[in-house]
Amino acid sequence: MKQTVLKYGLYGLLTGFIIFTIHLVIGINNFDYSTNEILGYVSIFLSLSFIYFGIKHYRDHINNGMISLGKAIVIGILISLLVGLGIAMADFIYTKFINPSFFSDFEKALIDQGKADEIFEMTSTTAAVFMLTLVTIIGFIISLISALILQRK
């Protein structure tokens, strides 16, 4: 199980890091915040697609065509933690070093849109923790769906 999680988790980590970094560097100045949010979720879902493939690989090549619901969910969550780490690192690097004014610019955009009540204090570290948590929660949902599809007793 460990090799499967590391293999597919690292694929997802690298995919998440690369896609999310490209999205942040190219998209921030070219798209509005709503479009960037959608692109961010697309990059998260693309990176988390490795959960399905990791569970399927483990079932078909390691565990003789069988996998329980619980084992599949564990594999998926572990892969999603690695994916979340990649995306969180990209987010941290972007907001800390590439565009340190991101949060203040975002606050200004919310105020301009009349959404000042949606403003809350965010730092690069809290944003990275938020991304890791968000990706893991979405990863759990994808793990559950994948496990239900792929389970064989």
Protein backbone atom coordinates (compact mmCIF):
# COMPACT_ATOMS: atom_id res chain seq x y z
CA MET A 1 0.00 0.00 0.00
CA LYS A 2 2.82 2.37 0.89
CA GLN A 3 4.36 2.26 -2.60
CA THR A 4 0.99 2.86 -4.28
CA VAL A 5 0.23 5.84 -2.04
CA LEU A 6 3.69 7.32 -2.59
CA LYS A 7 3.62 6.75 -6.36
CA TYR A 8 0.16 8.17 -7.02
CA GLY A 9 0.43 10.72 -4.23
CA LEU A 10 3.64 12.11 -5.74
CA TYR A 11 2.05 12.18 -9.20
CA GLY A 12 -0.82 14.17 -7.72
CA LEU A 13 1.52 16.38 -5.66
CA LEU A 14 3.59 17.30 -8.71
CA THR A 15 0.51 17.77 -10.89
CA GLY A 16 -1.14 19.94 -8.24
CA PHE A 17 1.97 21.98 -7.64
CA ILE A 18 2.64 22.58 -11.33
CA ILE A 19 -0.95 23.26 -12.43
CA PHE A 20 -1.73 25.44 -9.40
CA THR A 21 1.51 27.42 -9.84
CA ILE A 22 0.86 27.98 -13.55
CA HIS A 23 -2.72 28.96 -12.76
CA LEU A 24 -1.61 31.44 -10.09
CA VAL A 25 1.22 33.00 -12.08
CA ILE A 26 -0.66 33.31 -15.38
CA GLY A 27 -4.26 33.62 -14.24
CA ILE A 28 -4.12 36.17 -11.43
CA ASN A 29 -3.51 39.16 -13.67
CA ASN A 30 -5.54 37.89 -16.64
CA PHE A 31 -8.78 36.76 -14.98
CA ASP A 32 -11.10 38.05 -12.29
CA TYR A 33 -11.22 36.40 -8.89
CA SER A 34 -14.30 34.30 -9.73
CA THR A 35 -12.66 32.79 -12.80
CA ASN A 36 -9.47 32.16 -10.82
CA GLU A 37 -11.48 30.38 -8.14
CA ILE A 38 -13.04 28.08 -10.75
CA LEU A 39 -9.62 27.39 -12.29
CA GLY A 40 -8.27 26.64 -8.81
CA TYR A 41 -10.97 24.03 -8.24
CA VAL A 42 -10.31 22.52 -11.67
CA SER A 43 -6.63 22.14 -10.80
CA ILE A 44 -7.56 20.54 -7.47
CA PHE A 45 -9.89 18.02 -9.13
CA LEU A 46 -7.35 17.17 -11.85
CA SER A 47 -4.71 16.53 -9.21
CA LEU A 48 -7.09 14.46 -7.10
CA SER A 49 -7.95 12.23 -10.07
CA PHE A 50 -4.88 10.22 -9.06
CA ILE A 51 -6.92 8.90 -6.13
CA TYR A 52 -9.06 6.80 -8.45
CA PHE A 53 -6.05 5.51 -10.37
CA GLY A 54 -4.13 4.75 -7.18
CA ILE A 55 -7.00 2.75 -5.69
CA LYS A 56 -7.52 0.92 -9.00
CA HIS A 57 -3.79 0.13 -9.27
CA TYR A 58 -3.70 -1.22 -5.73
CA ARG A 59 -6.79 -3.35 -6.31
CA ASP A 60 -5.69 -4.75 -9.67
CA HIS A 61 -1.91 -5.12 -9.29
CA ILE A 62 -1.14 -5.42 -5.59
CA ASN A 63 -4.19 -6.98 -3.93
CA ASN A 64 -5.26 -9.65 -6.46
CA GLY A 65 -8.27 -7.76 -7.79
CA MET A 66 -9.85 -7.20 -4.37
CA ILE A 67 -10.18 -4.11 -2.21
CA SER A 68 -12.42 -3.28 0.71
CA LEU A 69 -14.24 0.00 1.10
CA GLY A 70 -12.14 0.94 4.13
CA LYS A 71 -8.77 0.17 2.53
CA ALA A 72 -9.72 2.12 -0.61
CA ILE A 73 -10.75 5.14 1.46
CA VAL A 74 -7.48 5.03 3.42
CA ILE A 75 -5.45 4.90 0.21
CA GLY A 76 -7.45 7.78 -1.25
CA ILE A 77 -7.11 9.99 1.83
CA LEU A 78 -3.35 9.40 1.99
CA ILE A 79 -3.01 10.31 -1.69
CA SER A 80 -5.15 13.42 -1.14
CA LEU A 81 -2.89 14.52 1.72
CA LEU A 82 0.09 14.46 -0.63
CA VAL A 83 -1.87 16.30 -3.33
CA GLY A 84 -2.96 18.87 -0.74
CA LEU A 85 0.64 19.33 0.31
CA GLY A 86 1.66 20.13 -3.28
CA ILE A 87 -1.14 22.65 -3.75
CA ALA A 88 -0.55 24.19 -0.32
CA MET A 89 3.16 24.62 -1.13
CA ALA A 90 2.33 26.32 -4.42
CA ASP A 91 -0.17 28.62 -2.69
CA PHE A 92 2.30 29.45 0.09
CA ILE A 93 5.15 30.21 -2.32
CA TYR A 94 2.88 32.35 -4.47
CA THR A 95 1.37 34.41 -1.64
CA LYS A 96 4.58 34.69 0.38
CA PHE A 97 7.21 35.32 -2.31
CA ILE A 98 5.76 35.85 -5.81
CA ASN A 99 2.80 38.10 -4.95
CA PRO A 100 2.98 39.17 -1.29
CA SER A 101 0.26 41.79 -1.86
CA PHE A 102 -2.27 39.14 -2.95
CA PHE A 103 -4.36 39.27 0.24
CA SER A 104 -4.55 43.07 0.36
CA ASP A 105 -5.45 43.17 -3.35
CA PHE A 106 -8.15 40.57 -2.76
CA GLU A 107 -9.53 42.58 0.17
CA LYS A 108 -9.71 45.68 -2.05
CA ALA A 109 -11.56 43.70 -4.72
CA LEU A 110 -14.09 42.48 -2.13
CA ILE A 111 -14.63 46.03 -0.87
CA ASP A 112 -15.10 47.28 -4.45
CA GLN A 113 -17.73 44.57 -4.99
CA GLY A 114 -19.55 45.54 -1.79
CA LYS A 115 -18.56 42.34 -0.03
CA ALA A 116 -16.60 43.86 2.85
CA ASP A 117 -18.40 41.53 5.28
CA GLU A 118 -16.63 38.56 3.63
CA ILE A 119 -13.16 39.83 4.56
CA PHE A 120 -11.17 37.84 7.12
CA GLU A 121 -7.51 37.96 8.06
CA MET A 122 -5.43 35.57 5.99
CA THR A 123 -1.69 34.95 5.84
CA SER A 124 0.36 32.72 3.57
CA THR A 125 0.54 30.09 6.29
CA THR A 126 -3.18 30.08 7.08
CA ALA A 127 -3.95 29.98 3.35
CA ALA A 128 -1.67 26.95 2.93
CA VAL A 129 -3.34 25.17 5.88
CA PHE A 130 -6.75 26.05 4.44
CA MET A 131 -5.76 24.63 1.03
CA LEU A 132 -4.42 21.43 2.60
CA THR A 133 -7.65 21.01 4.57
CA LEU A 134 -9.87 21.79 1.58
CA VAL A 135 -8.03 19.40 -0.73
CA THR A 136 -8.15 16.65 1.89
CA ILE A 137 -11.91 17.08 2.37
CA ILE A 138 -12.53 17.01 -1.37
CA GLY A 139 -10.10 14.06 -1.55
CA PHE A 140 -12.15 12.19 1.04
CA ILE A 141 -15.28 12.63 -1.07
CA ILE A 142 -13.47 11.46 -4.21
CA SER A 143 -11.99 8.55 -2.21
CA LEU A 144 -15.43 7.50 -1.04
CA ILE A 145 -16.88 7.64 -4.55
CA SER A 146 -13.87 5.80 -6.01
CA ALA A 147 -14.02 3.20 -3.25
CA LEU A 148 -17.70 2.55 -3.90
CA ILE A 149 -17.01 2.14 -7.62
CA LEU A 150 -13.88 0.00 -7.26
CA GLN A 151 -14.55 -2.14 -4.18
CA ARG A 152 -14.50 -5.90 -4.64
CA LYS A 153 -14.68 -8.37 -1.81
